[in-house]
Protein backbone atom coordinates (compact mmCIF):
# COMPACT_ATOMS: atom_id res chain seq x y z
CA UNK A 1 -0.79 6.28 -36.29
CA UNK A 2 -1.29 4.69 -32.87
CA UNK A 3 0.34 6.07 -29.76
CA UNK A 4 1.55 3.31 -27.48
CA UNK A 5 3.64 3.03 -24.33
CA UNK A 6 5.87 0.31 -22.94
CA UNK A 7 4.97 -0.26 -19.29
CA UNK A 8 6.74 -2.30 -16.65
CA UNK A 9 4.29 -4.67 -14.96
CA UNK A 10 4.41 -4.94 -11.18
CA UNK A 11 2.46 -7.13 -8.76
CA UNK A 12 0.66 -5.73 -5.69
CA UNK A 13 1.74 -7.13 -2.32
CA UNK A 14 -1.01 -8.21 0.14
CA UNK A 15 -3.60 -8.14 -2.66
CA UNK A 16 -3.18 -4.38 -3.03
CA UNK A 17 -4.45 -3.49 0.44
CA UNK A 18 -3.32 -0.18 1.90
CA UNK A 19 -0.66 -0.40 4.60
CA UNK A 20 -1.74 0.54 8.13
CA UNK A 21 1.66 2.20 8.60
CA UNK A 22 1.67 4.71 5.72
CA UNK A 23 -1.60 4.20 3.83
CA UNK A 24 0.11 3.27 0.55
CA UNK A 25 0.07 0.14 -1.60
CA UNK A 26 3.28 -1.87 -1.97
CA UNK A 27 4.22 -3.44 -5.31
CA UNK A 28 7.03 -5.77 -6.34
CA UNK A 29 8.71 -7.06 -9.48
CA UNK A 30 6.79 -9.81 -11.24
CA UNK A 31 8.20 -13.31 -11.03
CA UNK A 32 6.94 -14.44 -14.44
CA UNK A 33 8.39 -13.56 -17.81
CA UNK A 34 5.74 -10.97 -18.70
CA UNK A 35 7.57 -8.02 -17.16
CA UNK A 36 6.67 -5.52 -19.88
CA UNK A 37 3.58 -4.81 -21.94
CA UNK A 38 2.75 -2.50 -24.83
CA UNK A 39 -0.48 -0.60 -24.18
CA UNK A 40 -2.49 2.03 -25.98
CA UNK A 41 -1.56 5.42 -24.50
CA UNK A 42 -5.26 6.31 -24.14
CA UNK A 43 -5.75 3.53 -21.55
CA UNK A 44 -3.32 5.12 -19.08
CA UNK A 45 -5.33 6.91 -16.39
CA UNK A 46 -2.49 8.78 -14.73
CA UNK A 47 1.02 8.71 -13.35
CA UNK A 48 2.28 7.43 -10.03
CA UNK A 49 5.40 8.04 -8.00
CA UNK A 50 7.23 4.87 -6.93
CA UNK A 51 9.12 5.18 -3.65
CA UNK A 52 11.84 2.52 -3.16
CA UNK A 53 11.06 0.41 -0.11
CA UNK A 54 13.44 -2.54 -0.36
CA UNK A 55 15.04 -4.70 -3.04
CA UNK A 56 12.54 -5.07 -5.93
CA UNK A 57 9.68 -3.44 -3.92
CA UNK A 58 8.18 0.04 -4.03
CA UNK A 59 5.46 2.08 -2.33
CA UNK A 60 2.93 3.55 -4.77
CA UNK A 61 2.14 7.22 -4.21
CA UNK A 62 -0.75 7.89 -6.58
CA UNK A 63 -1.56 11.23 -4.94
CA UNK A 64 1.37 13.11 -6.46
CA UNK A 65 0.56 16.24 -8.41
CA UNK A 66 3.25 16.23 -11.11
CA UNK A 67 2.68 19.87 -12.08
CA UNK A 68 3.43 20.95 -8.50
CA UNK A 69 6.33 18.48 -8.27
CA UNK A 70 7.92 19.83 -11.46
CA UNK A 71 7.66 23.44 -10.23
CA UNK A 72 9.51 22.59 -7.00
CA UNK A 73 12.16 20.35 -8.47
């Protein structure tokens, strides 16, 4: 049995460069029709926290420690 995950594909803004303002990458919804993909669960390196920035855009906080987050919330 294979373990897979459905992931929502996002596109980095400004080629994925870190913002001078907050040091995070901004991503947005993809414009093409390939919005989702099925991937092998073993290829996922970790989780990220998406912070809403504006309509269809998010800041990517990849520094979140989910064990600590879950203890506090």
